[in-house]
Structure formats: C-alpha cells, structure tokens
Amino acid sequence: MNCLLTAWHRHESELRAWLTKRLGNPQDAEDLLQDLFLKALRQDKKFCEINNARAWLFAVARNAIADRLRLGREQVELPDDFALETVEPVPVETLTQCLPRALAELSHEDRDALTLCELASMNQAAYAQLRGISLAAAKSRVQRARKRLREHLGEVCQVRFDDTGNVCCFVPRPPL
C-alpha cells in the first residue's frame, strides 16, 4: 500500500493537470482523479508489482476519459419500425466452418506446417529451426501445404474462388 501512496503523491498533480486539460473542467478532472485513485486502490498488492506506476496511472486515466466520452455522447432513439440492414458475412470469414475438418484430413506434415506458420503465426525461419530443416525447405513445405489445403478445400467443401483468387462460396461440412 505504501508503494501506491508514494506513486500517487509523485504523480497526482501531473495527472490532475493532464485530466483538466483533456476534460476542460476542473471538477470533472477531480472526479476522474478520485475514480483513478479508487481503481489503483482496488489493485491492492498488485499495484506494487507494476513496473511503471506512472504509465499505468496515465493509461487507466486515458481509458477512463474514453469511457466517459463514449457514455456522454448523445444517443438518439430509433423508431420500432426501423429496418435493420442485414450484412451477409464475407464467405472467407465463414470458411472456418469447413477449415478444421479439412485441416484434420491433411497429412501430419502439412497440418503441422500450416498450424504453426499460418494459425500460430510462427515465422518460417523459426519453423525451420524447430523442425531442424533449412529455411528453403520450410518455405517449400509451407507452400506445398497451402496448395494441398486449397485443393482439399475445393474438393471436400466445394470452395470456389473468384477471378481475383478470393473465396466466393463453399458448402459447409459438419465438424468431425
């Protein structure tokens, strides 16, 4: 608790000035400053583990201002008969219905390359090192796996691509 009081006394006046400038009203700044202190208090002993108390206090203050501004926006009631425009999802976004099963049906090597490099965002150099292969071999493996997945999706999910190579439609398959 001592670390909170130390940090608070060190940064309170700077926070007050910053909040007043952002909100344009000293009373609102004071209210937000009190809310900020309460949030810091709720951290209890965790507050002492924060590496940069000033950065934490300003980040929480910035988020509190954003919340206050968001809540303060004037909202207009919509009539009950207001028609909602339905937006059809982009086909590639709904392809996740077909992807897990198709991925599971690939060879272990293809599934491994795609899972790590595409889904887990591992770069190909790290993948090569992990699998004990050259970078060129890793790149080739990922490219071949992408090609086989694309072909497999075309067969089992009837994925179709438009002229630009984007997914235009497919037939969903139930999961395994």
C-alpha atoms as a PDB file:
ATOM      1  CA  MET A   1       0.000   0.000   0.000  1.00  0.00           C
ATOM      2  CA  ASN A   2       2.964   2.273   0.711  1.00  0.00           C
ATOM      3  CA  CYS A   3       4.074   1.984  -2.931  1.00  0.00           C
ATOM      4  CA  LEU A   4       0.623   3.187  -4.076  1.00  0.00           C
ATOM      5  CA  LEU A   5       0.742   6.248  -1.843  1.00  0.00           C
ATOM      6  CA  THR A   6       4.285   7.037  -2.965  1.00  0.00           C
ATOM      7  CA  ALA A   7       3.349   6.756  -6.645  1.00  0.00           C
ATOM      8  CA  TRP A   8       0.145   8.709  -6.098  1.00  0.00           C
ATOM      9  CA  HIS A   9       1.879  11.627  -4.360  1.00  0.00           C
ATOM     10  CA  ARG A  10       4.551  11.653  -7.046  1.00  0.00           C
ATOM     11  CA  HIS A  11       2.115  11.804  -9.983  1.00  0.00           C
ATOM     12  CA  GLU A  12      -1.142  13.280  -8.625  1.00  0.00           C
ATOM     13  CA  SER A  13      -0.547  16.882  -9.649  1.00  0.00           C
ATOM     14  CA  GLU A  14       0.647  15.866 -13.106  1.00  0.00           C
ATOM     15  CA  LEU A  15      -2.425  13.645 -13.544  1.00  0.00           C
ATOM     16  CA  ARG A  16      -4.745  16.435 -12.335  1.00  0.00           C
ATOM     17  CA  ALA A  17      -3.269  18.912 -14.831  1.00  0.00           C
ATOM     18  CA  TRP A  18      -3.424  16.363 -17.651  1.00  0.00           C
ATOM     19  CA  LEU A  19      -7.041  15.452 -16.876  1.00  0.00           C
ATOM     20  CA  THR A  20      -8.077  19.097 -16.561  1.00  0.00           C
ATOM     21  CA  LYS A  21      -6.540  19.885 -19.937  1.00  0.00           C
ATOM     22  CA  ARG A  22      -8.258  16.912 -21.589  1.00  0.00           C
ATOM     23  CA  LEU A  23     -11.672  17.397 -19.974  1.00  0.00           C
ATOM     24  CA  GLY A  24     -11.687  21.193 -19.884  1.00  0.00           C
ATOM     25  CA  ASN A  25     -13.348  21.211 -16.481  1.00  0.00           C
ATOM     26  CA  PRO A  26     -11.513  21.048 -13.115  1.00  0.00           C
ATOM     27  CA  GLN A  27     -14.494  19.429 -11.344  1.00  0.00           C
ATOM     28  CA  ASP A  28     -14.696  16.612 -13.910  1.00  0.00           C
ATOM     29  CA  ALA A  29     -10.948  16.177 -13.672  1.00  0.00           C
ATOM     30  CA  GLU A  30     -11.172  15.919  -9.880  1.00  0.00           C
ATOM     31  CA  ASP A  31     -13.975  13.324 -10.144  1.00  0.00           C
ATOM     32  CA  LEU A  32     -11.962  11.261 -12.581  1.00  0.00           C
ATOM     33  CA  LEU A  33      -8.863  11.606 -10.417  1.00  0.00           C
ATOM     34  CA  GLN A  34     -10.782  10.155  -7.459  1.00  0.00           C
ATOM     35  CA  ASP A  35     -12.051   7.291  -9.640  1.00  0.00           C
ATOM     36  CA  LEU A  36      -8.495   6.659 -10.754  1.00  0.00           C
ATOM     37  CA  PHE A  37      -7.279   6.519  -7.146  1.00  0.00           C
ATOM     38  CA  LEU A  38     -10.025   4.009  -6.312  1.00  0.00           C
ATOM     39  CA  LYS A  39      -9.014   1.828  -9.268  1.00  0.00           C
ATOM     40  CA  ALA A  40      -5.431   1.921  -8.061  1.00  0.00           C
ATOM     41  CA  LEU A  41      -6.569   1.008  -4.539  1.00  0.00           C
ATOM     42  CA  ARG A  42      -8.514  -1.968  -5.898  1.00  0.00           C
ATOM     43  CA  GLN A  43      -5.251  -3.318  -7.295  1.00  0.00           C
ATOM     44  CA  ASP A  44      -4.160  -3.789  -3.684  1.00  0.00           C
ATOM     45  CA  LYS A  45      -0.767  -5.543  -3.569  1.00  0.00           C
ATOM     46  CA  LYS A  46      -0.694  -5.984  -7.343  1.00  0.00           C
ATOM     47  CA  PHE A  47      -0.076  -2.247  -7.687  1.00  0.00           C
ATOM     48  CA  CYS A  48       3.338  -2.678  -6.093  1.00  0.00           C
ATOM     49  CA  GLU A  49       4.253  -5.209  -8.797  1.00  0.00           C
ATOM     50  CA  ILE A  50       3.651  -2.691 -11.607  1.00  0.00           C
ATOM     51  CA  ASN A  51       6.976  -1.762 -13.191  1.00  0.00           C
ATOM     52  CA  ASN A  52       5.988   1.762 -14.233  1.00  0.00           C
ATOM     53  CA  ALA A  53       3.296   3.183 -11.956  1.00  0.00           C
ATOM     54  CA  ARG A  54       3.170   6.496 -13.856  1.00  0.00           C
ATOM     55  CA  ALA A  55       2.488   4.738 -17.170  1.00  0.00           C
ATOM     56  CA  TRP A  56      -0.179   2.579 -15.540  1.00  0.00           C
ATOM     57  CA  LEU A  57      -1.909   5.580 -13.955  1.00  0.00           C
ATOM     58  CA  PHE A  58      -1.926   7.530 -17.226  1.00  0.00           C
ATOM     59  CA  ALA A  59      -3.157   4.516 -19.211  1.00  0.00           C
ATOM     60  CA  VAL A  60      -6.043   3.998 -16.788  1.00  0.00           C
ATOM     61  CA  ALA A  61      -6.790   7.742 -16.877  1.00  0.00           C
ATOM     62  CA  ARG A  62      -6.801   7.736 -20.700  1.00  0.00           C
ATOM     63  CA  ASN A  63      -9.199   4.766 -20.732  1.00  0.00           C
ATOM     64  CA  ALA A  64     -11.442   6.459 -18.158  1.00  0.00           C
ATOM     65  CA  ILE A  65     -11.633   9.583 -20.325  1.00  0.00           C
ATOM     66  CA  ALA A  66     -12.521   7.455 -23.347  1.00  0.00           C
ATOM     67  CA  ASP A  67     -15.250   5.687 -21.352  1.00  0.00           C
ATOM     68  CA  ARG A  68     -16.627   8.989 -20.103  1.00  0.00           C
ATOM     69  CA  LEU A  69     -16.692  10.495 -23.588  1.00  0.00           C
ATOM     70  CA  ARG A  70     -18.312   7.376 -25.003  1.00  0.00           C
ATOM     71  CA  LEU A  71     -21.030   7.432 -22.351  1.00  0.00           C
ATOM     72  CA  GLY A  72     -21.514  11.175 -22.716  1.00  0.00           C
ATOM     73  CA  ARG A  73     -22.401  11.006 -26.395  1.00  0.00           C
ATOM     74  CA  GLU A  74     -25.912  11.982 -27.234  1.00  0.00           C
ATOM     75  CA  GLN A  75     -27.898   8.994 -28.380  1.00  0.00           C
ATOM     76  CA  VAL A  76     -30.987   9.047 -30.493  1.00  0.00           C
ATOM     77  CA  GLU A  77     -33.815   6.561 -30.052  1.00  0.00           C
ATOM     78  CA  LEU A  78     -34.638   4.680 -33.207  1.00  0.00           C
ATOM     79  CA  PRO A  79     -38.251   4.038 -34.125  1.00  0.00           C
ATOM     80  CA  ASP A  80     -39.522   0.489 -33.578  1.00  0.00           C
ATOM     81  CA  ASP A  81     -40.194   0.052 -37.272  1.00  0.00           C
ATOM     82  CA  PHE A  82     -36.637   0.953 -38.239  1.00  0.00           C
ATOM     83  CA  ALA A  83     -35.410  -1.736 -40.614  1.00  0.00           C
ATOM     84  CA  LEU A  84     -32.086  -3.272 -39.787  1.00  0.00           C
ATOM     85  CA  GLU A  85     -29.821  -3.768 -42.729  1.00  0.00           C
ATOM     86  CA  THR A  86     -28.512  -7.298 -42.673  1.00  0.00           C
ATOM     87  CA  VAL A  87     -24.989  -7.723 -43.850  1.00  0.00           C
ATOM     88  CA  GLU A  88     -24.055 -11.048 -45.343  1.00  0.00           C
ATOM     89  CA  PRO A  89     -20.752 -12.291 -43.964  1.00  0.00           C
ATOM     90  CA  VAL A  90     -17.858 -12.436 -46.367  1.00  0.00           C
ATOM     91  CA  PRO A  91     -17.534 -16.084 -47.495  1.00  0.00           C
ATOM     92  CA  VAL A  92     -13.918 -16.380 -46.408  1.00  0.00           C
ATOM     93  CA  GLU A  93     -14.942 -15.420 -42.842  1.00  0.00           C
ATOM     94  CA  THR A  94     -17.454 -18.270 -42.658  1.00  0.00           C
ATOM     95  CA  LEU A  95     -14.969 -20.736 -44.119  1.00  0.00           C
ATOM     96  CA  THR A  96     -13.997 -21.554 -40.539  1.00  0.00           C
ATOM     97  CA  GLN A  97     -16.982 -23.928 -40.582  1.00  0.00           C
ATOM     98  CA  CYS A  98     -15.117 -26.121 -43.051  1.00  0.00           C
ATOM     99  CA  LEU A  99     -11.484 -25.471 -42.216  1.00  0.00           C
ATOM    100  CA  PRO A 100     -10.957 -27.533 -39.001  1.00  0.00           C
ATOM    101  CA  ARG A 101     -12.183 -30.769 -40.560  1.00  0.00           C
ATOM    102  CA  ALA A 102     -10.309 -30.188 -43.829  1.00  0.00           C
ATOM    103  CA  LEU A 103      -7.128 -29.370 -41.906  1.00  0.00           C
ATOM    104  CA  ALA A 104      -7.514 -32.538 -39.813  1.00  0.00           C
ATOM    105  CA  GLU A 105      -7.728 -34.600 -43.007  1.00  0.00           C
ATOM    106  CA  LEU A 106      -4.340 -33.398 -44.301  1.00  0.00           C
ATOM    107  CA  SER A 107      -1.104 -35.265 -43.684  1.00  0.00           C
ATOM    108  CA  HIS A 108       0.637 -34.674 -40.369  1.00  0.00           C
ATOM    109  CA  GLU A 109       3.454 -32.751 -42.108  1.00  0.00           C
ATOM    110  CA  ASP A 110       1.043 -30.404 -43.921  1.00  0.00           C
ATOM    111  CA  ARG A 111      -1.107 -29.891 -40.823  1.00  0.00           C
ATOM    112  CA  ASP A 112       1.997 -29.170 -38.723  1.00  0.00           C
ATOM    113  CA  ALA A 113       3.344 -26.580 -41.186  1.00  0.00           C
ATOM    114  CA  LEU A 114       0.001 -24.818 -41.582  1.00  0.00           C
ATOM    115  CA  THR A 115      -0.913 -24.911 -37.911  1.00  0.00           C
ATOM    116  CA  LEU A 116       2.369 -23.398 -36.789  1.00  0.00           C
ATOM    117  CA  CYS A 117       3.090 -20.971 -39.644  1.00  0.00           C
ATOM    118  CA  GLU A 118      -0.423 -19.859 -40.559  1.00  0.00           C
ATOM    119  CA  LEU A 119      -2.580 -20.288 -37.480  1.00  0.00           C
ATOM    120  CA  ALA A 120       0.017 -19.783 -34.736  1.00  0.00           C
ATOM    121  CA  SER A 121       1.825 -17.048 -36.730  1.00  0.00           C
ATOM    122  CA  MET A 122       5.235 -18.641 -36.343  1.00  0.00           C
ATOM    123  CA  ASN A 123       7.641 -17.260 -38.931  1.00  0.00           C
ATOM    124  CA  GLN A 124       9.100 -19.752 -41.357  1.00  0.00           C
ATOM    125  CA  ALA A 125      12.653 -19.293 -40.076  1.00  0.00           C
ATOM    126  CA  ALA A 126      11.552 -20.289 -36.567  1.00  0.00           C
ATOM    127  CA  TYR A 127       9.602 -23.209 -38.024  1.00  0.00           C
ATOM    128  CA  ALA A 128      12.694 -24.360 -39.931  1.00  0.00           C
ATOM    129  CA  GLN A 129      14.788 -24.212 -36.771  1.00  0.00           C
ATOM    130  CA  LEU A 130      12.101 -26.033 -34.740  1.00  0.00           C
ATOM    131  CA  ARG A 131      11.863 -28.852 -37.279  1.00  0.00           C
ATOM    132  CA  GLY A 132      15.615 -28.990 -37.978  1.00  0.00           C
ATOM    133  CA  ILE A 133      15.291 -28.168 -41.673  1.00  0.00           C
ATOM    134  CA  SER A 134      16.642 -25.401 -43.887  1.00  0.00           C
ATOM    135  CA  LEU A 135      14.693 -22.191 -44.396  1.00  0.00           C
ATOM    136  CA  ALA A 136      14.242 -23.069 -48.079  1.00  0.00           C
ATOM    137  CA  ALA A 137      12.800 -26.451 -47.112  1.00  0.00           C
ATOM    138  CA  ALA A 138      10.443 -24.821 -44.597  1.00  0.00           C
ATOM    139  CA  LYS A 139       9.218 -22.304 -47.175  1.00  0.00           C
ATOM    140  CA  SER A 140       8.686 -25.090 -49.687  1.00  0.00           C
ATOM    141  CA  ARG A 141       6.857 -27.221 -47.115  1.00  0.00           C
ATOM    142  CA  VAL A 142       4.501 -24.387 -46.188  1.00  0.00           C
ATOM    143  CA  GLN A 143       3.818 -23.527 -49.835  1.00  0.00           C
ATOM    144  CA  ARG A 144       3.060 -27.170 -50.700  1.00  0.00           C
ATOM    145  CA  ALA A 145       0.811 -27.483 -47.622  1.00  0.00           C
ATOM    146  CA  ARG A 146      -1.098 -24.329 -48.614  1.00  0.00           C
ATOM    147  CA  LYS A 147      -1.588 -25.704 -52.115  1.00  0.00           C
ATOM    148  CA  ARG A 148      -2.804 -29.086 -50.842  1.00  0.00           C
ATOM    149  CA  LEU A 149      -5.166 -27.413 -48.365  1.00  0.00           C
ATOM    150  CA  ARG A 150      -6.581 -25.230 -51.117  1.00  0.00           C
ATOM    151  CA  GLU A 151      -7.116 -28.274 -53.355  1.00  0.00           C
ATOM    152  CA  HIS A 152      -8.626 -30.270 -50.494  1.00  0.00           C
ATOM    153  CA  LEU A 153     -10.999 -27.431 -49.591  1.00  0.00           C
ATOM    154  CA  GLY A 154     -12.040 -27.294 -53.236  1.00  0.00           C
ATOM    155  CA  GLU A 155     -12.862 -31.000 -53.185  1.00  0.00           C
ATOM    156  CA  VAL A 156     -14.498 -31.548 -49.818  1.00  0.00           C
ATOM    157  CA  CYS A 157     -16.081 -28.150 -49.162  1.00  0.00           C
ATOM    158  CA  GLN A 158     -16.573 -27.222 -52.796  1.00  0.00           C
ATOM    159  CA  VAL A 159     -14.770 -23.931 -52.200  1.00  0.00           C
ATOM    160  CA  ARG A 160     -14.894 -21.688 -55.244  1.00  0.00           C
ATOM    161  CA  PHE A 161     -12.639 -18.724 -55.933  1.00  0.00           C
ATOM    162  CA  ASP A 162     -13.445 -15.581 -57.921  1.00  0.00           C
ATOM    163  CA  ASP A 163     -11.231 -14.106 -60.646  1.00  0.00           C
ATOM    164  CA  THR A 164      -9.037 -12.344 -58.082  1.00  0.00           C
ATOM    165  CA  GLY A 165      -8.420 -15.529 -56.081  1.00  0.00           C
ATOM    166  CA  ASN A 166     -10.737 -14.658 -53.206  1.00  0.00           C
ATOM    167  CA  VAL A 167     -13.182 -17.199 -51.763  1.00  0.00           C
ATOM    168  CA  CYS A 168     -16.612 -16.569 -53.229  1.00  0.00           C
ATOM    169  CA  CYS A 169     -18.598 -19.540 -51.924  1.00  0.00           C
ATOM    170  CA  PHE A 170     -18.436 -23.041 -50.418  1.00  0.00           C
ATOM    171  CA  VAL A 171     -20.547 -25.833 -48.942  1.00  0.00           C
ATOM    172  CA  PRO A 172     -20.088 -26.203 -45.167  1.00  0.00           C
ATOM    173  CA  ARG A 173     -19.253 -29.624 -43.734  1.00  0.00           C
ATOM    174  CA  PRO A 174     -20.134 -30.746 -40.227  1.00  0.00           C
ATOM    175  CA  PRO A 175     -17.182 -30.998 -37.846  1.00  0.00           C
ATOM    176  CA  LEU A 176     -15.646 -34.402 -37.098  1.00  0.00           C
END
